[in-house]
């Protein structure tokens, strides 16, 4: 496939997309906001363009706040893709009367529909914030980046080899915890008699 046939491709000016030319920072922000979540291969192409730009030295020194967007998206997309391969797509009615597409996660405590953006938010809220609270803003952010690299098998030679056992454990812990919480809190603690 040539650059003229691709929807997303890297040039010296930035990443060419159907939405226009994006610099790396804007592409990362849009990736984090979920602009490239559906279809997921759009996000994967953006990730490839960012990786290529980094390999070519075109990104400069990315701020940790931008770098974490890349690694968080990649990790959650890898997990989501595996669940999608196992369980296929599912459509759920949303509050606007339409449907949202996700996939099923089946864990120790039951199952739930998962989506890319909420997976990223869960990682941010449960894992990243714990590291930031423990080590402070700067060190916690850097440790979070290392965590995502470890979860994707990217430590060492930089190759992303797939989700590691630690990566699976972390996501299962969060999702099983959310399922447990939803199950435990779905009924009133005491019965109400009228």
N, C-alpha and C. Protein backbone atom coordinates (compact mmCIF):
# COMPACT_ATOMS: atom_id res chain seq x y z
N UNK A 1 0.84 -1.17 0.00
CA UNK A 1 0.00 0.00 0.00
C UNK A 1 0.90 1.24 0.00
N UNK A 2 0.64 2.17 -0.86
CA UNK A 2 1.44 3.38 -0.94
C UNK A 2 0.84 4.47 -0.05
N UNK A 3 1.61 5.53 0.17
CA UNK A 3 1.14 6.63 1.01
C UNK A 3 -0.13 7.26 0.45
N UNK A 4 -0.28 7.25 -0.86
CA UNK A 4 -1.48 7.86 -1.44
C UNK A 4 -2.72 6.99 -1.21
N UNK A 5 -2.53 5.69 -0.94
CA UNK A 5 -3.66 4.79 -0.67
C UNK A 5 -4.00 4.73 0.81
N UNK A 6 -3.07 5.09 1.68
CA UNK A 6 -3.28 5.03 3.11
C UNK A 6 -4.11 6.21 3.59
N UNK A 7 -4.92 5.99 4.61
CA UNK A 7 -5.65 7.10 5.22
C UNK A 7 -4.74 7.94 6.10
N UNK A 8 -3.79 7.30 6.76
CA UNK A 8 -2.88 7.98 7.68
C UNK A 8 -1.46 7.67 7.24
N UNK A 9 -0.65 8.71 7.06
CA UNK A 9 0.75 8.46 6.75
C UNK A 9 1.59 9.63 7.22
N UNK A 10 2.86 9.34 7.48
CA UNK A 10 3.79 10.31 8.03
C UNK A 10 4.57 10.98 6.92
N UNK A 11 4.71 12.29 7.01
CA UNK A 11 5.60 13.06 6.14
C UNK A 11 6.43 13.98 7.03
N UNK A 12 7.34 14.71 6.44
CA UNK A 12 8.15 15.65 7.21
C UNK A 12 7.30 16.72 7.89
N UNK A 13 6.13 17.01 7.34
CA UNK A 13 5.25 18.04 7.90
C UNK A 13 4.41 17.53 9.08
N UNK A 14 4.22 16.23 9.18
CA UNK A 14 3.39 15.67 10.23
C UNK A 14 2.64 14.45 9.73
N UNK A 15 1.54 14.15 10.39
CA UNK A 15 0.73 12.99 10.02
C UNK A 15 -0.44 13.47 9.16
N UNK A 16 -0.50 12.95 7.95
CA UNK A 16 -1.63 13.26 7.06
C UNK A 16 -2.78 12.33 7.42
N UNK A 17 -3.95 12.93 7.64
CA UNK A 17 -5.14 12.17 8.01
C UNK A 17 -6.32 12.68 7.18
N UNK A 18 -7.42 11.97 7.20
CA UNK A 18 -8.62 12.49 6.55
C UNK A 18 -9.11 13.79 7.19
N UNK A 19 -8.62 14.09 8.39
CA UNK A 19 -9.02 15.28 9.12
C UNK A 19 -8.06 16.44 8.89
N UNK A 20 -7.06 16.22 8.07
CA UNK A 20 -6.05 17.24 7.81
C UNK A 20 -4.70 16.82 8.35
N UNK A 21 -3.76 17.73 8.25
CA UNK A 21 -2.40 17.49 8.71
C UNK A 21 -2.34 17.70 10.23
N UNK A 22 -1.79 16.72 10.93
CA UNK A 22 -1.67 16.81 12.39
C UNK A 22 -0.21 16.76 12.79
N UNK A 23 0.17 17.63 13.73
CA UNK A 23 1.50 17.44 14.30
C UNK A 23 1.39 16.32 15.34
N UNK A 24 2.50 15.84 15.80
CA UNK A 24 2.53 14.68 16.70
C UNK A 24 1.75 14.96 17.98
N UNK A 25 1.94 16.15 18.56
CA UNK A 25 1.24 16.47 19.81
C UNK A 25 -0.27 16.47 19.64
N UNK A 26 -0.76 17.05 18.55
CA UNK A 26 -2.20 17.07 18.30
C UNK A 26 -2.72 15.65 18.05
N UNK A 27 -1.94 14.85 17.32
CA UNK A 27 -2.34 13.46 17.07
C UNK A 27 -2.45 12.69 18.38
N UNK A 28 -1.52 12.91 19.30
CA UNK A 28 -1.57 12.24 20.60
C UNK A 28 -2.79 12.68 21.40
N UNK A 29 -3.09 13.97 21.38
CA UNK A 29 -4.27 14.46 22.10
C UNK A 29 -5.54 13.85 21.53
N UNK A 30 -5.65 13.81 20.21
CA UNK A 30 -6.83 13.23 19.57
C UNK A 30 -6.94 11.73 19.86
N UNK A 31 -5.80 11.05 19.88
CA UNK A 31 -5.76 9.63 20.22
C UNK A 31 -6.31 9.43 21.63
N UNK A 32 -5.84 10.24 22.57
CA UNK A 32 -6.25 10.13 23.97
C UNK A 32 -7.73 10.48 24.15
N UNK A 33 -8.23 11.41 23.37
CA UNK A 33 -9.64 11.83 23.47
C UNK A 33 -10.60 10.82 22.85
N UNK A 34 -10.07 9.85 22.13
CA UNK A 34 -10.93 8.82 21.54
C UNK A 34 -11.31 9.09 20.10
N UNK A 35 -10.70 10.09 19.47
CA UNK A 35 -11.04 10.44 18.09
C UNK A 35 -10.72 9.31 17.11
N UNK A 36 -9.79 8.44 17.47
CA UNK A 36 -9.38 7.35 16.58
C UNK A 36 -9.74 5.98 17.15
N UNK A 37 -10.71 5.93 18.07
CA UNK A 37 -11.09 4.66 18.68
C UNK A 37 -11.94 3.79 17.76
N UNK A 38 -12.72 4.40 16.90
CA UNK A 38 -13.62 3.62 16.06
C UNK A 38 -13.54 4.11 14.63
N UNK A 39 -13.11 3.30 13.72
CA UNK A 39 -12.64 1.93 13.94
C UNK A 39 -11.25 1.93 14.58
N UNK A 40 -10.98 0.89 15.32
CA UNK A 40 -9.74 0.82 16.10
C UNK A 40 -8.49 0.88 15.21
N UNK A 41 -8.59 0.42 13.97
CA UNK A 41 -7.40 0.43 13.12
C UNK A 41 -6.97 1.86 12.80
N UNK A 42 -7.86 2.83 12.88
CA UNK A 42 -7.44 4.23 12.70
C UNK A 42 -6.44 4.60 13.79
N UNK A 43 -6.77 4.25 15.03
CA UNK A 43 -5.86 4.52 16.13
C UNK A 43 -4.55 3.78 15.99
N UNK A 44 -4.63 2.53 15.54
CA UNK A 44 -3.40 1.76 15.35
C UNK A 44 -2.51 2.37 14.27
N UNK A 45 -3.12 2.92 13.22
CA UNK A 45 -2.32 3.60 12.19
C UNK A 45 -1.68 4.86 12.75
N UNK A 46 -2.40 5.60 13.58
CA UNK A 46 -1.82 6.79 14.22
C UNK A 46 -0.64 6.37 15.10
N UNK A 47 -0.81 5.30 15.87
CA UNK A 47 0.27 4.79 16.72
C UNK A 47 1.48 4.43 15.86
N UNK A 48 1.26 3.78 14.73
CA UNK A 48 2.37 3.43 13.82
C UNK A 48 3.06 4.68 13.30
N UNK A 49 2.29 5.70 12.94
CA UNK A 49 2.88 6.95 12.46
C UNK A 49 3.72 7.62 13.55
N UNK A 50 3.22 7.62 14.77
CA UNK A 50 3.96 8.22 15.89
C UNK A 50 5.23 7.44 16.15
N UNK A 51 5.15 6.10 16.12
CA UNK A 51 6.34 5.27 16.31
C UNK A 51 7.37 5.54 15.22
N UNK A 52 6.90 5.64 13.99
CA UNK A 52 7.80 5.92 12.87
C UNK A 52 8.45 7.29 13.04
N UNK A 53 7.67 8.28 13.44
CA UNK A 53 8.21 9.63 13.66
C UNK A 53 9.27 9.62 14.76
N UNK A 54 9.01 8.85 15.81
CA UNK A 54 9.96 8.75 16.91
C UNK A 54 11.26 8.08 16.45
N UNK A 55 11.13 6.99 15.67
CA UNK A 55 12.31 6.29 15.15
C UNK A 55 13.15 7.20 14.26
N UNK A 56 12.49 8.09 13.53
CA UNK A 56 13.19 9.00 12.61
C UNK A 56 13.66 10.27 13.31
N UNK A 57 13.41 10.37 14.62
CA UNK A 57 13.84 11.54 15.37
C UNK A 57 13.01 12.78 15.09
N UNK A 58 11.79 12.59 14.62
CA UNK A 58 10.94 13.73 14.26
C UNK A 58 10.10 14.25 15.42
N UNK A 59 10.05 13.53 16.52
CA UNK A 59 9.18 13.94 17.62
C UNK A 59 9.88 14.85 18.61
N UNK A 60 11.20 14.92 18.54
CA UNK A 60 11.92 15.65 19.57
C UNK A 60 11.73 14.95 20.90
N UNK A 61 11.90 15.68 21.96
CA UNK A 61 11.68 15.12 23.29
C UNK A 61 10.23 15.37 23.68
N UNK A 62 9.41 14.33 23.57
CA UNK A 62 8.00 14.48 23.93
C UNK A 62 7.86 14.63 25.44
N UNK A 63 6.97 15.51 25.85
CA UNK A 63 6.69 15.68 27.28
C UNK A 63 6.09 14.38 27.82
N UNK A 64 6.39 14.04 29.06
CA UNK A 64 5.82 12.83 29.64
C UNK A 64 4.29 12.80 29.57
N UNK A 65 3.65 13.97 29.67
CA UNK A 65 2.19 14.05 29.58
C UNK A 65 1.69 13.60 28.21
N UNK A 66 2.51 13.76 27.18
CA UNK A 66 2.14 13.31 25.83
C UNK A 66 2.53 11.84 25.64
N UNK A 67 3.70 11.48 26.14
CA UNK A 67 4.19 10.11 25.99
C UNK A 67 3.23 9.11 26.62
N UNK A 68 2.69 9.46 27.79
CA UNK A 68 1.79 8.53 28.47
C UNK A 68 0.51 8.30 27.67
N UNK A 69 0.09 9.30 26.90
CA UNK A 69 -1.11 9.14 26.06
C UNK A 69 -0.91 8.01 25.06
N UNK A 70 0.29 7.97 24.47
CA UNK A 70 0.64 6.94 23.49
C UNK A 70 0.59 5.56 24.14
N UNK A 71 1.29 5.40 25.26
CA UNK A 71 1.42 4.08 25.89
C UNK A 71 0.11 3.61 26.50
N UNK A 72 -0.66 4.54 27.09
CA UNK A 72 -1.96 4.17 27.64
C UNK A 72 -2.89 3.68 26.53
N UNK A 73 -2.91 4.42 25.41
CA UNK A 73 -3.78 4.02 24.30
C UNK A 73 -3.35 2.66 23.76
N UNK A 74 -2.06 2.47 23.56
CA UNK A 74 -1.56 1.22 22.99
C UNK A 74 -1.91 0.03 23.88
N UNK A 75 -1.66 0.15 25.17
CA UNK A 75 -1.95 -0.96 26.10
C UNK A 75 -3.43 -1.31 26.11
N UNK A 76 -4.28 -0.31 26.25
CA UNK A 76 -5.72 -0.60 26.31
C UNK A 76 -6.24 -1.10 24.97
N UNK A 77 -5.69 -0.61 23.88
CA UNK A 77 -6.11 -1.10 22.55
C UNK A 77 -5.70 -2.55 22.35
N UNK A 78 -4.52 -2.92 22.84
CA UNK A 78 -4.08 -4.32 22.74
C UNK A 78 -5.02 -5.22 23.52
N UNK A 79 -5.37 -4.81 24.74
CA UNK A 79 -6.27 -5.61 25.56
C UNK A 79 -7.66 -5.68 24.92
N UNK A 80 -8.18 -4.54 24.49
CA UNK A 80 -9.49 -4.49 23.86
C UNK A 80 -9.53 -5.39 22.62
N UNK A 81 -8.49 -5.33 21.81
CA UNK A 81 -8.43 -6.13 20.57
C UNK A 81 -8.46 -7.62 20.87
N UNK A 82 -7.76 -8.04 21.92
CA UNK A 82 -7.78 -9.45 22.30
C UNK A 82 -9.17 -9.88 22.74
N UNK A 83 -9.83 -9.03 23.52
CA UNK A 83 -11.20 -9.36 23.96
C UNK A 83 -12.14 -9.38 22.77
N UNK A 84 -11.93 -8.48 21.83
CA UNK A 84 -12.76 -8.42 20.63
C UNK A 84 -12.59 -9.68 19.79
N UNK A 85 -11.37 -10.16 19.67
CA UNK A 85 -11.10 -11.39 18.92
C UNK A 85 -11.80 -12.57 19.58
N UNK A 86 -11.77 -12.63 20.91
CA UNK A 86 -12.41 -13.72 21.65
C UNK A 86 -13.93 -13.65 21.62
N UNK A 87 -14.47 -12.45 21.80
CA UNK A 87 -15.89 -12.31 22.10
C UNK A 87 -16.71 -11.56 21.06
N UNK A 88 -16.06 -10.98 20.07
CA UNK A 88 -16.78 -10.25 19.03
C UNK A 88 -17.35 -8.93 19.52
N UNK A 89 -18.01 -8.24 18.61
CA UNK A 89 -18.63 -6.95 18.92
C UNK A 89 -19.94 -7.16 19.65
N UNK A 90 -20.30 -6.20 20.48
CA UNK A 90 -21.61 -6.16 21.09
C UNK A 90 -22.11 -4.72 21.02
N UNK A 91 -23.39 -4.57 20.81
CA UNK A 91 -23.98 -3.23 20.76
C UNK A 91 -24.85 -3.03 21.99
N UNK A 92 -24.70 -1.87 22.60
CA UNK A 92 -25.43 -1.54 23.82
C UNK A 92 -26.15 -0.22 23.60
N UNK A 93 -27.40 -0.17 24.03
CA UNK A 93 -28.16 1.08 23.93
C UNK A 93 -27.51 2.15 24.79
N UNK A 94 -27.42 3.37 24.24
CA UNK A 94 -26.87 4.47 25.03
C UNK A 94 -27.97 5.43 25.44
N UNK A 95 -27.60 6.43 26.23
CA UNK A 95 -28.60 7.37 26.76
C UNK A 95 -29.22 8.27 25.70
N UNK A 96 -28.63 8.32 24.51
CA UNK A 96 -29.17 9.14 23.42
C UNK A 96 -30.13 8.38 22.52
N UNK A 97 -30.41 7.13 22.86
CA UNK A 97 -31.32 6.33 22.05
C UNK A 97 -30.63 5.58 20.93
N UNK A 98 -29.33 5.77 20.79
CA UNK A 98 -28.55 5.05 19.78
C UNK A 98 -27.87 3.85 20.41
N UNK A 99 -26.87 3.35 19.71
CA UNK A 99 -26.11 2.22 20.26
C UNK A 99 -24.62 2.55 20.24
N UNK A 100 -23.91 1.97 21.18
CA UNK A 100 -22.46 2.04 21.23
C UNK A 100 -21.92 0.64 21.01
N UNK A 101 -20.79 0.57 20.29
CA UNK A 101 -20.17 -0.73 20.03
C UNK A 101 -19.02 -0.95 20.99
N UNK A 102 -19.02 -2.12 21.60
CA UNK A 102 -17.95 -2.51 22.49
C UNK A 102 -17.72 -4.00 22.35
N UNK A 103 -17.04 -4.56 23.30
CA UNK A 103 -16.86 -6.01 23.34
C UNK A 103 -17.03 -6.47 24.78
N UNK A 104 -17.17 -7.75 24.95
CA UNK A 104 -17.38 -8.31 26.29
C UNK A 104 -16.05 -8.66 26.94
N UNK A 105 -15.99 -8.38 28.23
CA UNK A 105 -14.92 -8.89 29.07
C UNK A 105 -15.57 -9.91 29.99
N UNK A 106 -14.98 -11.08 30.06
CA UNK A 106 -15.48 -12.11 30.97
C UNK A 106 -14.36 -12.44 31.95
N UNK A 107 -14.63 -12.15 33.22
CA UNK A 107 -13.61 -12.35 34.24
C UNK A 107 -14.09 -13.26 35.35
N UNK A 108 -13.38 -13.21 36.47
CA UNK A 108 -13.69 -14.07 37.61
C UNK A 108 -15.02 -13.73 38.25
N UNK A 109 -15.41 -12.47 38.20
CA UNK A 109 -16.62 -12.02 38.89
C UNK A 109 -17.81 -11.81 37.97
N UNK A 110 -17.71 -12.27 36.74
CA UNK A 110 -18.80 -12.07 35.78
C UNK A 110 -18.28 -11.40 34.52
N UNK A 111 -19.15 -10.70 33.84
CA UNK A 111 -18.76 -10.05 32.60
C UNK A 111 -19.32 -8.65 32.50
N UNK A 112 -18.76 -7.89 31.59
CA UNK A 112 -19.24 -6.54 31.34
C UNK A 112 -18.82 -6.11 29.94
N UNK A 113 -19.56 -5.18 29.37
CA UNK A 113 -19.17 -4.62 28.08
C UNK A 113 -18.08 -3.59 28.33
N UNK A 114 -17.03 -3.63 27.51
CA UNK A 114 -15.94 -2.67 27.66
C UNK A 114 -15.78 -1.87 26.36
N UNK A 115 -15.26 -0.67 26.53
CA UNK A 115 -15.01 0.26 25.43
C UNK A 115 -13.62 0.84 25.63
N UNK A 116 -13.00 1.31 24.55
CA UNK A 116 -11.63 1.80 24.64
C UNK A 116 -11.47 2.99 25.59
N UNK A 117 -12.25 4.04 25.40
CA UNK A 117 -12.05 5.24 26.22
C UNK A 117 -12.26 4.96 27.71
N UNK A 118 -13.33 4.27 28.11
CA UNK A 118 -13.46 3.95 29.54
C UNK A 118 -12.32 3.07 30.07
N UNK A 119 -11.75 2.21 29.23
CA UNK A 119 -10.58 1.42 29.68
C UNK A 119 -9.42 2.35 29.99
N UNK A 120 -9.20 3.34 29.12
CA UNK A 120 -8.12 4.30 29.36
C UNK A 120 -8.38 5.08 30.65
N UNK A 121 -9.61 5.51 30.84
CA UNK A 121 -9.95 6.26 32.06
C UNK A 121 -9.77 5.40 33.30
N UNK A 122 -10.12 4.12 33.22
CA UNK A 122 -9.93 3.22 34.36
C UNK A 122 -8.44 3.09 34.70
N UNK A 123 -7.61 2.93 33.69
CA UNK A 123 -6.17 2.83 33.94
C UNK A 123 -5.64 4.12 34.56
N UNK A 124 -6.10 5.23 34.02
CA UNK A 124 -5.67 6.52 34.54
C UNK A 124 -6.10 6.70 35.99
N UNK A 125 -7.35 6.39 36.28
CA UNK A 125 -7.88 6.61 37.63
C UNK A 125 -7.35 5.64 38.67
N UNK A 126 -7.14 4.38 38.29
CA UNK A 126 -6.76 3.38 39.28
C UNK A 126 -5.26 3.13 39.35
N UNK A 127 -4.60 3.08 38.22
CA UNK A 127 -3.18 2.73 38.23
C UNK A 127 -2.28 3.97 38.25
N UNK A 128 -2.51 4.88 37.31
CA UNK A 128 -1.64 6.05 37.22
C UNK A 128 -1.74 6.93 38.47
N UNK A 129 -2.97 7.18 38.93
CA UNK A 129 -3.12 8.05 40.10
C UNK A 129 -2.49 7.43 41.34
N UNK A 130 -2.52 6.11 41.46
CA UNK A 130 -1.87 5.46 42.60
C UNK A 130 -0.37 5.72 42.58
N UNK A 131 0.23 5.64 41.39
CA UNK A 131 1.66 5.91 41.27
C UNK A 131 1.97 7.38 41.53
N UNK A 132 1.12 8.27 41.04
CA UNK A 132 1.33 9.71 41.24
C UNK A 132 1.18 10.06 42.72
N UNK A 133 0.20 9.48 43.39
CA UNK A 133 0.02 9.74 44.82
C UNK A 133 1.20 9.22 45.63
N UNK A 134 1.74 8.09 45.22
CA UNK A 134 2.85 7.48 45.95
C UNK A 134 4.18 8.19 45.69
N UNK A 135 4.46 8.53 44.43
CA UNK A 135 5.78 9.03 44.05
C UNK A 135 5.81 10.51 43.67
N UNK A 136 4.68 11.18 43.69
CA UNK A 136 4.63 12.57 43.27
C UNK A 136 4.32 12.66 41.78
N UNK A 137 3.97 13.87 41.34
CA UNK A 137 3.48 14.06 39.97
C UNK A 137 4.52 13.65 38.91
N UNK A 138 5.72 14.16 39.01
CA UNK A 138 6.72 13.90 37.98
C UNK A 138 7.18 12.45 37.97
N UNK A 139 7.60 11.95 39.12
CA UNK A 139 8.08 10.56 39.20
C UNK A 139 6.95 9.57 38.95
N UNK A 140 5.75 9.87 39.45
CA UNK A 140 4.61 8.98 39.24
C UNK A 140 4.25 8.85 37.78
N UNK A 141 4.34 9.97 37.05
CA UNK A 141 4.05 9.94 35.62
C UNK A 141 5.09 9.10 34.87
N UNK A 142 6.36 9.29 35.21
CA UNK A 142 7.42 8.50 34.57
C UNK A 142 7.29 7.01 34.90
N UNK A 143 6.93 6.71 36.14
CA UNK A 143 6.72 5.30 36.52
C UNK A 143 5.50 4.72 35.80
N UNK A 144 4.50 5.54 35.55
CA UNK A 144 3.32 5.08 34.80
C UNK A 144 3.70 4.72 33.37
N UNK A 145 4.56 5.54 32.76
CA UNK A 145 5.02 5.24 31.40
C UNK A 145 5.78 3.92 31.39
N UNK A 146 6.67 3.73 32.36
CA UNK A 146 7.41 2.46 32.46
C UNK A 146 6.46 1.29 32.69
N UNK A 147 5.41 1.52 33.48
CA UNK A 147 4.42 0.47 33.73
C UNK A 147 3.78 0.03 32.41
N UNK A 148 3.33 1.00 31.60
CA UNK A 148 2.69 0.65 30.32
C UNK A 148 3.67 -0.04 29.38
N UNK A 149 4.92 0.41 29.38
CA UNK A 149 5.92 -0.26 28.54
C UNK A 149 6.10 -1.70 28.99
N UNK A 150 6.14 -1.91 30.31
CA UNK A 150 6.26 -3.27 30.84
C UNK A 150 5.03 -4.10 30.49
N UNK A 151 3.85 -3.50 30.58
CA UNK A 151 2.61 -4.21 30.28
C UNK A 151 2.51 -4.62 28.82
N UNK A 152 3.16 -3.88 27.93
CA UNK A 152 3.10 -4.20 26.49
C UNK A 152 4.33 -4.96 26.02
N UNK A 153 5.19 -5.33 26.94
CA UNK A 153 6.38 -6.08 26.57
C UNK A 153 7.41 -5.23 25.85
N UNK A 154 7.38 -3.90 26.07
CA UNK A 154 8.25 -3.01 25.31
C UNK A 154 9.51 -2.61 26.06
N UNK A 155 9.74 -3.14 27.24
CA UNK A 155 10.99 -2.83 27.93
C UNK A 155 12.10 -3.67 27.34
N UNK A 156 13.29 -3.15 27.37
CA UNK A 156 14.41 -3.87 26.78
C UNK A 156 14.74 -3.31 25.42
N UNK A 157 14.43 -4.08 24.37
CA UNK A 157 14.81 -3.65 23.03
C UNK A 157 13.79 -2.71 22.38
N UNK A 158 12.71 -2.38 23.08
CA UNK A 158 11.73 -1.44 22.56
C UNK A 158 10.65 -2.06 21.69
N UNK A 159 10.79 -3.35 21.39
CA UNK A 159 9.76 -4.03 20.58
C UNK A 159 8.55 -4.34 21.45
N UNK A 160 7.38 -4.10 20.90
CA UNK A 160 6.15 -4.42 21.61
C UNK A 160 5.80 -5.87 21.29
N UNK A 161 5.89 -6.72 22.29
CA UNK A 161 5.73 -8.15 22.04
C UNK A 161 4.34 -8.67 22.38
N UNK A 162 3.52 -7.88 22.99
CA UNK A 162 2.20 -8.33 23.43
C UNK A 162 2.05 -8.08 24.91
N UNK A 163 0.85 -8.20 25.38
CA UNK A 163 0.59 -7.93 26.79
C UNK A 163 1.27 -8.99 27.65
N UNK A 164 1.96 -8.52 28.67
CA UNK A 164 2.66 -9.41 29.59
C UNK A 164 1.70 -9.91 30.67
N UNK A 165 2.14 -10.87 31.46
CA UNK A 165 1.31 -11.38 32.56
C UNK A 165 0.95 -10.26 33.53
N UNK A 166 1.91 -9.36 33.80
CA UNK A 166 1.63 -8.23 34.69
C UNK A 166 0.56 -7.33 34.08
N UNK A 167 0.62 -7.16 32.77
CA UNK A 167 -0.38 -6.35 32.08
C UNK A 167 -1.77 -6.95 32.18
N UNK A 168 -1.85 -8.27 32.02
CA UNK A 168 -3.15 -8.94 32.17
C UNK A 168 -3.65 -8.84 33.61
N UNK A 169 -2.75 -9.08 34.56
CA UNK A 169 -3.15 -9.04 35.97
C UNK A 169 -3.73 -7.67 36.34
N UNK A 170 -3.07 -6.62 35.88
CA UNK A 170 -3.53 -5.26 36.20
C UNK A 170 -4.92 -5.00 35.64
N UNK A 171 -5.13 -5.34 34.37
CA UNK A 171 -6.43 -5.07 33.76
C UNK A 171 -7.51 -5.96 34.37
N UNK A 172 -7.19 -7.22 34.62
CA UNK A 172 -8.17 -8.12 35.25
C UNK A 172 -8.53 -7.62 36.65
N UNK A 173 -7.54 -7.16 37.39
CA UNK A 173 -7.80 -6.66 38.74
C UNK A 173 -8.78 -5.48 38.69
N UNK A 174 -8.56 -4.56 37.77
CA UNK A 174 -9.44 -3.39 37.66
C UNK A 174 -10.83 -3.80 37.21
N UNK A 175 -10.92 -4.56 36.13
CA UNK A 175 -12.23 -4.92 35.59
C UNK A 175 -13.01 -5.84 36.53
N UNK A 176 -12.33 -6.83 37.12
CA UNK A 176 -13.02 -7.70 38.08
C UNK A 176 -13.48 -6.91 39.30
N UNK A 177 -12.68 -5.92 39.71
CA UNK A 177 -13.07 -5.06 40.82
C UNK A 177 -14.31 -4.23 40.48
N UNK A 178 -14.35 -3.71 39.26
CA UNK A 178 -15.52 -2.93 38.84
C UNK A 178 -16.78 -3.80 38.76
N UNK A 179 -16.62 -5.01 38.26
CA UNK A 179 -17.76 -5.94 38.18
C UNK A 179 -18.24 -6.27 39.59
N UNK A 180 -17.31 -6.55 40.48
CA UNK A 180 -17.65 -6.88 41.86
C UNK A 180 -18.38 -5.72 42.53
N UNK A 181 -17.86 -4.53 42.32
CA UNK A 181 -18.48 -3.33 42.91
C UNK A 181 -19.89 -3.13 42.36
N UNK A 182 -20.06 -3.30 41.06
CA UNK A 182 -21.38 -3.14 40.45
C UNK A 182 -22.35 -4.21 40.97
N UNK A 183 -21.86 -5.43 41.12
CA UNK A 183 -22.70 -6.52 41.62
C UNK A 183 -23.07 -6.30 43.08
N UNK A 184 -22.09 -5.92 43.89
CA UNK A 184 -22.33 -5.71 45.32
C UNK A 184 -23.23 -4.52 45.59
N UNK A 185 -23.17 -3.51 44.75
CA UNK A 185 -23.93 -2.29 44.99
C UNK A 185 -25.21 -2.20 44.17
N UNK A 186 -25.58 -3.29 43.51
CA UNK A 186 -26.77 -3.24 42.66
C UNK A 186 -28.06 -3.39 43.45
N UNK A 187 -27.97 -3.86 44.68
CA UNK A 187 -29.16 -4.01 45.51
C UNK A 187 -28.99 -3.16 46.76
N UNK A 188 -30.08 -2.65 47.30
CA UNK A 188 -29.98 -1.89 48.55
C UNK A 188 -29.43 -2.77 49.67
N UNK A 189 -28.69 -2.15 50.60
CA UNK A 189 -28.12 -2.92 51.70
C UNK A 189 -29.20 -3.52 52.59
N UNK A 190 -30.29 -2.79 52.80
CA UNK A 190 -31.39 -3.31 53.61
C UNK A 190 -32.65 -3.33 52.77
N UNK A 191 -33.50 -4.27 53.08
CA UNK A 191 -34.76 -4.35 52.33
C UNK A 191 -35.68 -3.22 52.75
N UNK A 192 -36.39 -2.72 51.78
CA UNK A 192 -37.35 -1.66 52.05
C UNK A 192 -38.74 -2.24 51.93
N UNK A 193 -39.53 -2.08 52.99
CA UNK A 193 -40.91 -2.57 52.98
C UNK A 193 -41.84 -1.38 52.91
N UNK A 194 -42.85 -1.48 52.08
CA UNK A 194 -43.84 -0.40 51.95
C UNK A 194 -45.12 -0.79 52.61
